[in-house]
Amino acid sequence: MSRLVLTSELLTRLRKDLLKDENETCAILFGRSVETNKKLSRIVIREALTPPIKLYEERTTVSAQLRPEIVSEVAQRARKTGESITFVHTHPFSLNHFSATDDAGETELSYFLAGRAPHARHAAMLITPEVAIARELGKKNPLRVLGIGPQITFGETGLEKEKDPRYDRQIRAFGALGQQTLKSIRVGIVGLGGTGSVVLQSLLHLGVQDFLLIDPDTIEETNLNRLVGATPEDVGRFKADVAASWGKKLNSTANIETQRDSILKEAVVKLLADTDFVFCCTDSHGSRAVLNQFSYQYLVPCIDMGVAISAQKGLVTDIVGRTQLFAPGLACMVCGNLLDSEEIRRDLLTDFERQMDPYIIGDTEPAPSVISLNSTIASLAVTMFLNTVIGVPGTPRFLNYNAIKGICRPALCTPHPTCIVCSPSGAICRANEWPLPARQD
């Protein structure tokens, strides 16, 4: 299902402000529509306008209509800026679906915008005391409303409850509704190596049914010590294909799509706009930089993880790991000074550019990797996912792990007020309006 996404803070504020009146109330949201493979994947909301009472043509407990001049101004803005417009209204009473009156009004609005702002996809949104639902303007195609933040807010929670007996013990932990939520979301996993394969295995057992797996690499013999599901016969095959193959054996009804290409390419990372949640399981600064900005720019929450083992002369000196959620309200990797600009530059070079670069000499030394440590960090990441998506108790969204000391601690990182990625003046919620730090090839 396509999505209408906004920050959790904005969704909460809209519900509070618009529902405090006994009459129907309107708002207008400005954002960007994003298509993936010529299909609407999401509308990313950046700004909200609440018209004053004087701009209503009509306003009662059962209807609301804005004056033509404000609709005309909104259409002119959309034509000039390329923005997508979402018209919001409330049902202060408990009518949790669009009415026949709504249908007629939307049809008229869609014709009007089609002639003035045809470049973008527009939407209608309904807020009631119980739900927040949306659809494409005049087309009735449903859009799932998601509030993105440290906790994901779902506009509609009245999903059919999961009854599959294989999930009985999980339902006892977080409820049938939580289980159905896991079944209904689409997850992207970038990197199907030592952590990504463990994440996929865990999510399949949890009941997630819809995946996009991205990895350009093939399996080497040295990968076999840590790749879940891989066998010696898989050497030479693409990691994503092998993961999809054994994943289907775990759950034959799961939808598992693969992309055997690099997330460093803009066209590839934008495929993740058609997901609800992403796991970054790569080991390069370049891929992390791309996903860090993509997550805030397109409002796709993402958990990044990493493990580092330091060894000298065969003796381990340090074993550390990190798990961090990228979402509005949380500091990004730029705020935490966790990215190396020189490493990013090198990662984003094409093969030809890398060969010609005088500052790159020889191959990098392979880093140590052990499946038990990868599994520890992957499990922390999946548990953080459960905290964020279905409300399993747990507040940390940034964890540091020290295996030698046996300590896992939440980390404090404050968002920088002018961060180029996660601040209001940066990339957040801009979608296609801003370029990504990725290759164009």
Protein backbone atom coordinates (compact mmCIF):
# COMPACT_ATOMS: atom_id res chain seq x y z
CA MET A 1 0.00 0.00 0.00
CA SER A 2 1.17 3.53 -0.73
CA ARG A 3 1.78 5.83 2.23
CA LEU A 4 1.18 9.34 3.48
CA VAL A 5 4.00 10.06 5.93
CA LEU A 6 4.65 12.93 8.31
CA THR A 7 6.50 13.32 11.55
CA SER A 8 4.86 11.85 14.65
CA GLU A 9 5.01 15.29 16.21
CA LEU A 10 3.05 16.86 13.35
CA LEU A 11 0.45 14.07 13.27
CA THR A 12 -0.10 14.40 17.02
CA ARG A 13 -0.41 18.19 16.75
CA LEU A 14 -2.92 17.95 13.89
CA ARG A 15 -5.10 15.54 15.84
CA LYS A 16 -5.01 17.77 18.91
CA ASP A 17 -5.64 21.07 17.13
CA LEU A 18 -8.25 19.95 14.60
CA LEU A 19 -10.37 17.77 16.89
CA LYS A 20 -10.78 20.28 19.71
CA ASP A 21 -13.71 21.92 17.85
CA GLU A 22 -17.16 20.33 17.59
CA ASN A 23 -17.42 21.52 13.98
CA GLU A 24 -15.55 19.96 11.10
CA THR A 25 -12.15 21.57 10.67
CA CYS A 26 -9.78 21.70 7.72
CA ALA A 27 -6.05 21.86 7.18
CA ILE A 28 -3.81 21.84 4.12
CA LEU A 29 -0.57 19.88 4.02
CA PHE A 30 2.32 20.56 1.65
CA GLY A 31 4.84 17.91 0.69
CA ARG A 32 6.27 15.84 -2.12
CA SER A 33 4.88 12.79 -3.88
CA VAL A 34 7.38 10.03 -4.58
CA GLU A 35 6.98 7.34 -7.21
CA THR A 36 8.86 4.04 -7.35
CA ASN A 37 8.73 2.13 -10.64
CA LYS A 38 5.94 4.49 -11.79
CA LYS A 39 3.86 3.66 -8.73
CA LEU A 40 3.07 6.12 -5.95
CA SER A 41 5.09 4.91 -2.97
CA ARG A 42 4.65 7.79 -0.53
CA ILE A 43 3.64 11.40 -0.06
CA VAL A 44 6.10 13.07 2.32
CA ILE A 45 4.54 15.94 4.27
CA ARG A 46 6.75 18.88 5.26
CA GLU A 47 4.40 21.74 6.19
CA ALA A 48 0.87 22.22 7.53
CA LEU A 49 -1.47 25.20 7.15
CA THR A 50 -4.59 25.62 9.29
CA PRO A 51 -6.89 28.22 7.66
CA PRO A 52 -8.61 30.75 9.97
CA ILE A 53 -12.39 30.70 10.35
CA LYS A 54 -12.85 33.58 7.88
CA LEU A 55 -11.56 31.39 5.04
CA TYR A 56 -14.38 28.85 5.34
CA GLU A 57 -17.27 28.99 2.89
CA GLU A 58 -19.27 26.69 5.14
CA ARG A 59 -18.56 25.01 8.48
CA THR A 60 -20.90 22.87 10.61
CA THR A 61 -20.75 19.72 12.72
CA VAL A 62 -21.19 17.59 9.58
CA SER A 63 -19.52 19.59 6.80
CA ALA A 64 -16.75 22.04 6.01
CA GLN A 65 -15.82 23.84 2.82
CA LEU A 66 -12.99 26.30 2.28
CA ARG A 67 -13.44 29.45 0.24
CA PRO A 68 -12.45 29.17 -3.44
CA GLU A 69 -9.72 31.80 -3.14
CA ILE A 70 -7.64 29.78 -0.66
CA VAL A 71 -7.95 26.66 -2.81
CA SER A 72 -6.82 28.73 -5.80
CA GLU A 73 -3.82 30.09 -3.86
CA VAL A 74 -2.83 26.59 -2.80
CA ALA A 75 -3.05 25.36 -6.40
CA GLN A 76 -0.89 28.25 -7.61
CA ARG A 77 1.74 27.44 -5.00
CA ALA A 78 1.72 23.77 -6.01
CA ARG A 79 2.11 24.70 -9.68
CA LYS A 80 5.15 26.90 -8.94
CA THR A 81 6.91 24.66 -6.41
CA GLY A 82 6.04 21.17 -7.61
CA GLU A 83 4.54 20.31 -4.24
CA SER A 84 1.90 17.73 -3.47
CA ILE A 85 -1.22 18.99 -1.68
CA THR A 86 -3.16 17.05 0.92
CA PHE A 87 -6.56 18.39 1.97
CA VAL A 88 -7.42 17.42 5.54
CA HIS A 89 -10.75 17.55 7.31
CA THR A 90 -12.18 16.08 10.48
CA HIS A 91 -15.21 14.10 11.50
CA PRO A 92 -15.53 15.16 15.16
CA PHE A 93 -18.10 12.39 15.50
CA SER A 94 -17.23 8.71 15.09
CA LEU A 95 -17.66 8.27 11.34
CA ASN A 96 -14.35 6.59 10.54
CA HIS A 97 -14.61 6.63 6.76
CA PHE A 98 -14.96 9.14 3.96
CA SER A 99 -18.59 10.12 3.33
CA ALA A 100 -20.49 10.54 0.06
CA THR A 101 -20.17 14.30 0.55
CA ASP A 102 -16.39 13.84 0.84
CA ASP A 103 -16.39 11.84 -2.41
CA ALA A 104 -18.18 14.61 -4.30
CA GLY A 105 -15.94 17.35 -2.94
CA GLU A 106 -12.78 15.40 -3.76
CA THR A 107 -13.87 14.80 -7.33
CA GLU A 108 -14.28 18.53 -7.85
CA LEU A 109 -10.91 19.28 -6.21
CA SER A 110 -9.09 16.65 -8.24
CA TYR A 111 -10.38 18.10 -11.53
CA PHE A 112 -9.33 21.56 -10.39
CA LEU A 113 -5.78 20.47 -9.45
CA ALA A 114 -5.38 18.30 -12.54
CA GLY A 115 -5.44 21.43 -14.66
CA ARG A 116 -3.24 23.53 -12.39
CA ALA A 117 -0.81 21.18 -10.65
CA PRO A 118 -0.69 17.96 -12.68
CA HIS A 119 2.98 17.27 -11.92
CA ALA A 120 2.35 15.81 -8.46
CA ARG A 121 0.02 13.31 -6.80
CA HIS A 122 -2.41 14.87 -4.35
CA ALA A 123 -4.33 13.40 -1.43
CA ALA A 124 -7.21 13.73 0.98
CA MET A 125 -6.90 12.92 4.67
CA LEU A 126 -9.60 12.32 7.27
CA ILE A 127 -8.99 12.64 11.01
CA THR A 128 -11.52 11.35 13.54
CA PRO A 129 -11.22 10.68 17.28
CA GLU A 130 -10.27 7.08 16.41
CA VAL A 131 -8.36 7.08 13.12
CA ALA A 132 -6.38 9.08 10.58
CA ILE A 133 -6.86 7.72 7.06
CA ALA A 134 -5.97 9.02 3.61
CA ARG A 135 -6.40 8.33 -0.09
CA GLU A 136 -5.30 9.75 -3.41
CA LEU A 137 -7.40 12.75 -4.24
CA GLY A 138 -10.35 11.80 -6.41
CA LYS A 139 -9.09 8.23 -6.99
CA LYS A 140 -10.00 6.52 -3.70
CA ASN A 141 -6.71 4.60 -3.69
CA PRO A 142 -5.95 4.18 0.03
CA LEU A 143 -2.80 5.65 1.56
CA ARG A 144 -1.52 4.33 4.85
CA VAL A 145 -0.97 7.20 7.30
CA LEU A 146 2.28 6.91 9.25
CA GLY A 147 3.68 9.28 11.86
CA ILE A 148 7.46 8.81 11.91
CA GLY A 149 9.51 9.43 15.05
CA PRO A 150 11.12 7.50 17.92
CA GLN A 151 7.78 5.65 18.01
CA ILE A 152 5.89 5.04 14.77
CA THR A 153 2.28 6.18 14.92
CA PHE A 154 -0.20 4.33 12.73
CA GLY A 155 -3.18 6.35 11.60
CA GLU A 156 -5.42 3.32 11.59
CA THR A 157 -5.16 0.45 14.06
CA GLY A 158 -8.31 -1.47 13.20
CA LEU A 159 -6.50 -4.17 11.24
CA GLU A 160 -7.69 -7.75 11.12
CA LYS A 161 -6.07 -9.60 14.01
CA GLU A 162 -3.55 -12.32 13.25
CA LYS A 163 -4.75 -15.85 14.09
CA ASP A 164 -1.89 -17.96 12.72
CA PRO A 165 -1.01 -20.50 15.48
CA ARG A 166 2.72 -20.31 14.70
CA TYR A 167 2.76 -16.85 16.31
CA ASP A 168 0.82 -17.83 19.44
CA ARG A 169 3.75 -17.28 21.84
CA GLN A 170 4.51 -13.88 20.32
CA ILE A 171 0.87 -12.79 20.44
CA ARG A 172 0.94 -13.59 24.15
CA ALA A 173 3.80 -11.09 24.43
CA PHE A 174 2.66 -8.14 22.29
CA GLY A 175 -0.92 -8.90 21.23
CA ALA A 176 -2.73 -9.94 18.07
CA LEU A 177 -2.77 -6.37 16.80
CA GLY A 178 0.99 -6.09 17.15
CA GLN A 179 1.40 -9.33 15.23
CA GLN A 180 -0.84 -8.09 12.45
CA THR A 181 1.15 -4.86 12.27
CA LEU A 182 4.33 -6.88 11.68
CA LYS A 183 2.55 -8.77 8.92
CA SER A 184 1.39 -5.58 7.21
CA ILE A 185 4.65 -3.63 6.91
CA ARG A 186 7.33 -3.76 4.23
CA VAL A 187 10.95 -3.91 5.40
CA GLY A 188 14.10 -3.10 3.45
CA ILE A 189 17.41 -4.73 4.40
CA VAL A 190 20.56 -3.22 2.92
CA GLY A 191 23.45 -5.66 3.12
CA LEU A 192 22.84 -9.41 3.49
CA GLY A 193 26.10 -10.29 5.18
CA GLY A 194 26.90 -11.14 8.76
CA THR A 195 24.29 -8.87 10.36
CA GLY A 196 21.77 -8.56 7.52
CA SER A 197 21.23 -12.31 7.20
CA VAL A 198 20.57 -12.56 10.95
CA VAL A 199 18.13 -9.65 10.79
CA LEU A 200 16.24 -11.31 7.92
CA GLN A 201 16.06 -14.62 9.78
CA SER A 202 14.71 -12.91 12.92
CA LEU A 203 12.11 -10.87 11.04
CA LEU A 204 10.84 -13.92 9.15
CA HIS A 205 10.38 -15.78 12.42
CA LEU A 206 8.60 -12.75 13.87
CA GLY A 207 6.08 -12.80 11.02
CA VAL A 208 7.18 -9.95 8.75
CA GLN A 209 5.95 -10.91 5.29
CA ASP A 210 7.21 -8.29 2.84
CA PHE A 211 10.87 -7.52 2.10
CA LEU A 212 13.19 -5.68 -0.26
CA LEU A 213 16.76 -7.05 -0.04
CA ILE A 214 19.59 -4.95 -1.49
CA ASP A 215 23.17 -6.18 -1.88
CA PRO A 216 25.50 -6.09 -4.92
CA ASP A 217 27.97 -8.70 -3.67
CA THR A 218 28.41 -12.41 -4.29
CA ILE A 219 29.29 -14.95 -1.61
CA GLU A 220 32.94 -15.75 -1.06
CA GLU A 221 34.30 -18.71 0.88
CA THR A 222 35.44 -16.38 3.67
CA ASN A 223 31.80 -15.28 4.17
CA LEU A 224 30.59 -18.73 5.16
CA ASN A 225 31.57 -18.37 8.83
CA ARG A 226 28.82 -15.79 9.39
CA LEU A 227 26.16 -15.90 6.63
CA VAL A 228 22.96 -17.45 7.91
CA GLY A 229 21.58 -19.98 5.43
CA ALA A 230 24.59 -19.98 3.10
CA THR A 231 26.38 -23.23 2.20
CA PRO A 232 29.61 -23.96 0.29
CA GLU A 233 27.49 -24.60 -2.80
CA ASP A 234 26.38 -20.94 -2.68
CA VAL A 235 29.87 -19.52 -3.24
CA GLY A 236 29.70 -17.26 -6.30
CA ARG A 237 25.97 -16.61 -6.00
CA PHE A 238 24.55 -13.20 -5.10
CA LYS A 239 24.01 -12.75 -1.36
CA ALA A 240 20.55 -11.26 -1.89
CA ASP A 241 19.44 -14.22 -4.03
CA VAL A 242 20.70 -16.77 -1.51
CA ALA A 243 18.98 -14.92 1.33
CA ALA A 244 15.71 -14.80 -0.60
CA SER A 245 15.96 -18.51 -1.37
CA TRP A 246 16.40 -19.71 2.20
CA GLY A 247 14.01 -17.02 3.42
CA LYS A 248 11.23 -18.53 1.31
CA LYS A 249 11.95 -21.88 2.96
CA LEU A 250 11.33 -20.31 6.35
CA ASN A 251 8.08 -18.73 5.17
CA SER A 252 6.81 -19.73 1.74
CA THR A 253 4.11 -17.02 1.79
CA ALA A 254 6.58 -14.16 2.29
CA ASN A 255 7.13 -11.67 -0.53
CA ILE A 256 10.91 -11.25 -0.89
CA GLU A 257 12.19 -8.98 -3.65
CA THR A 258 15.89 -8.57 -4.38
CA GLN A 259 18.05 -5.86 -5.91
CA ARG A 260 21.59 -6.95 -6.80
CA ASP A 261 23.02 -3.47 -6.94
CA SER A 262 24.74 -0.84 -4.79
CA ILE A 263 22.92 1.41 -2.36
CA LEU A 264 25.49 4.06 -3.29
CA LYS A 265 23.49 4.65 -6.48
CA GLU A 266 20.65 7.16 -6.21
CA ALA A 267 18.27 5.06 -8.29
CA VAL A 268 18.81 2.08 -5.99
CA VAL A 269 18.44 3.86 -2.66
CA LYS A 270 15.22 5.49 -3.88
CA LEU A 271 13.69 2.02 -4.21
CA LEU A 272 13.50 2.08 -0.41
CA ALA A 273 10.85 4.80 -0.64
CA ASP A 274 8.48 1.86 -1.16
CA THR A 275 9.22 0.44 2.30
CA ASP A 276 8.03 1.23 5.81
CA PHE A 277 11.26 0.48 7.68
CA VAL A 278 14.91 -0.12 6.74
CA PHE A 279 17.84 -1.93 8.33
CA CYS A 280 21.30 -0.67 7.35
CA CYS A 281 23.58 -3.72 7.60
CA THR A 282 26.50 -2.45 5.54
CA ASP A 283 30.04 -1.75 6.67
CA SER A 284 31.00 1.38 4.73
CA HIS A 285 30.79 5.07 5.59
CA GLY A 286 29.49 5.86 2.11
CA SER A 287 26.44 3.62 2.36
CA ARG A 288 25.73 4.85 5.88
CA ALA A 289 25.92 8.48 4.73
CA VAL A 290 23.45 7.79 1.93
CA LEU A 291 20.98 5.91 4.14
CA ASN A 292 21.36 8.41 6.99
CA GLN A 293 20.18 11.28 4.78
CA PHE A 294 17.65 9.20 2.85
CA SER A 295 15.92 8.17 6.08
CA TYR A 296 15.26 11.74 7.23
CA GLN A 297 14.69 13.14 3.76
CA TYR A 298 12.02 10.58 2.80
CA LEU A 299 10.75 9.79 6.33
CA VAL A 300 11.69 6.12 6.17
CA PRO A 301 12.86 5.08 9.67
CA CYS A 302 16.12 3.16 9.56
CA ILE A 303 18.19 1.24 12.10
CA ASP A 304 21.92 1.27 11.48
CA MET A 305 24.20 -1.24 13.18
CA GLY A 306 27.85 -2.13 13.23
CA VAL A 307 30.38 -4.37 14.97
CA ALA A 308 34.09 -3.68 15.33
CA ILE A 309 36.69 -6.18 16.54
CA SER A 310 40.24 -4.99 17.08
CA ALA A 311 43.01 -7.57 17.20
CA GLN A 312 46.79 -7.36 17.36
CA LYS A 313 49.05 -10.35 16.77
CA GLY A 314 46.14 -12.73 17.15
CA LEU A 315 44.93 -11.20 20.43
CA VAL A 316 41.58 -9.41 20.66
CA THR A 317 41.86 -5.95 22.25
CA ASP A 318 38.37 -4.47 21.70
CA ILE A 319 34.90 -5.73 20.75
CA VAL A 320 32.28 -3.02 20.38
CA GLY A 321 28.97 -2.58 18.60
CA ARG A 322 26.43 0.15 17.90
CA THR A 323 22.72 0.18 17.09
CA GLN A 324 21.02 3.48 16.19
CA LEU A 325 17.62 4.53 14.89
CA PHE A 326 17.35 7.31 12.31
CA ALA A 327 14.02 9.12 12.70
CA PRO A 328 12.69 12.66 13.25
CA GLY A 329 13.41 13.86 16.77
CA LEU A 330 16.58 11.76 17.00
CA ALA A 331 20.14 12.80 16.19
CA CYS A 332 21.56 11.54 12.91
CA MET A 333 25.07 10.29 12.23
CA VAL A 334 26.20 13.77 11.20
CA CYS A 335 25.13 15.16 14.60
CA GLY A 336 27.04 12.36 16.29
CA ASN A 337 30.17 12.96 14.19
CA LEU A 338 30.10 9.26 13.26
CA LEU A 339 30.94 9.60 9.57
CA ASP A 340 34.39 9.93 8.01
CA SER A 341 34.23 12.35 5.08
CA GLU A 342 37.32 10.88 3.40
CA GLU A 343 35.87 7.36 3.63
CA ILE A 344 32.60 8.63 2.17
CA ARG A 345 34.45 10.26 -0.71
CA ARG A 346 36.26 7.04 -1.51
CA ASP A 347 33.14 4.91 -1.27
CA LEU A 348 31.26 7.14 -3.70
CA LEU A 349 33.92 6.96 -6.39
CA THR A 350 33.22 4.83 -9.45
CA ASP A 351 35.61 1.96 -10.19
CA PHE A 352 37.37 4.10 -12.82
CA GLU A 353 37.66 7.07 -10.47
CA ARG A 354 39.04 4.82 -7.73
CA GLN A 355 41.74 3.49 -10.06
CA MET A 356 42.77 7.03 -10.97
CA ASP A 357 42.72 8.39 -7.41
CA PRO A 358 46.32 8.92 -6.19
CA TYR A 359 45.25 8.77 -2.53
CA ILE A 360 43.97 5.18 -2.71
CA ILE A 361 46.78 2.67 -2.60
CA GLY A 362 46.13 -1.07 -2.57
CA ASP A 363 43.22 -2.95 -1.01
CA THR A 364 41.92 -2.44 2.51
CA GLU A 365 42.65 -5.11 5.09
CA PRO A 366 39.57 -7.31 5.77
CA ALA A 367 38.07 -6.70 9.21
CA PRO A 368 37.56 -9.55 11.69
CA SER A 369 33.99 -10.87 11.86
CA VAL A 370 32.37 -13.46 14.16
CA ILE A 371 28.76 -14.65 13.88
CA SER A 372 28.01 -14.57 17.62
CA LEU A 373 28.93 -10.88 17.84
CA ASN A 374 27.07 -10.04 14.64
CA SER A 375 24.04 -11.87 16.04
CA THR A 376 24.18 -9.93 19.29
CA ILE A 377 24.04 -6.57 17.50
CA ALA A 378 21.43 -7.79 15.00
CA SER A 379 19.23 -8.95 17.89
CA LEU A 380 19.55 -5.58 19.62
CA ALA A 381 18.52 -3.93 16.34
CA VAL A 382 15.48 -6.17 15.85
CA THR A 383 14.37 -5.57 19.45
CA MET A 384 14.71 -1.81 18.86
CA PHE A 385 12.55 -2.31 15.75
CA LEU A 386 9.87 -3.95 17.93
CA ASN A 387 10.11 -1.06 20.41
CA THR A 388 9.60 1.43 17.58
CA VAL A 389 6.96 -0.29 15.46
CA ILE A 390 4.64 -2.14 17.86
CA GLY A 391 5.44 -0.55 21.20
CA VAL A 392 7.26 -3.40 22.92
CA PRO A 393 8.60 -1.67 26.07
CA GLY A 394 12.03 -0.15 25.58
CA THR A 395 13.04 3.48 25.16
CA PRO A 396 16.69 3.48 23.94
CA ARG A 397 17.12 4.36 20.27
CA PHE A 398 20.92 4.46 20.37
CA LEU A 399 22.86 1.65 22.06
CA ASN A 400 26.56 1.02 22.50
CA TYR A 401 27.75 -2.51 23.27
CA ASN A 402 31.06 -3.52 24.83
CA ALA A 403 31.47 -7.29 24.68
CA ILE A 404 34.64 -7.44 26.77
CA LYS A 405 33.08 -5.55 29.69
CA GLY A 406 29.68 -7.15 29.13
CA ILE A 407 27.95 -3.77 29.01
CA CYS A 408 25.16 -2.45 26.79
CA ARG A 409 24.37 1.21 27.42
CA PRO A 410 22.08 3.79 25.82
CA ALA A 411 23.99 6.67 24.27
CA LEU A 412 22.97 10.30 24.49
CA CYS A 413 23.25 12.31 21.27
CA THR A 414 21.44 15.62 20.87
CA PRO A 415 20.25 16.70 17.41
CA HIS A 416 22.12 19.78 16.19
CA PRO A 417 19.66 22.66 15.59
CA THR A 418 21.12 23.44 12.15
CA CYS A 419 22.16 19.95 11.04
CA ILE A 420 22.22 19.63 7.24
CA VAL A 421 20.41 16.29 7.51
CA CYS A 422 17.98 16.11 10.45
CA SER A 423 17.16 19.72 11.37
CA PRO A 424 14.17 21.67 10.00
CA SER A 425 16.59 23.71 7.87
CA GLY A 426 18.18 20.56 6.49
CA ALA A 427 17.08 17.61 4.37
CA ILE A 428 14.31 16.33 6.62
CA CYS A 429 10.98 15.78 4.82
CA ARG A 430 12.26 17.22 1.53
CA ALA A 431 11.99 13.97 -0.47
CA ASN A 432 12.81 14.59 -4.16
CA GLU A 433 13.22 18.32 -3.59
CA TRP A 434 16.86 17.76 -2.55
CA PRO A 435 19.51 15.50 -4.09
CA LEU A 436 20.93 12.59 -2.13
CA PRO A 437 24.67 12.13 -1.51
CA ALA A 438 24.73 9.22 -3.93
CA ARG A 439 26.11 8.37 -7.36
CA GLN A 440 23.98 9.12 -10.40
CA ASP A 441 25.10 6.06 -12.42
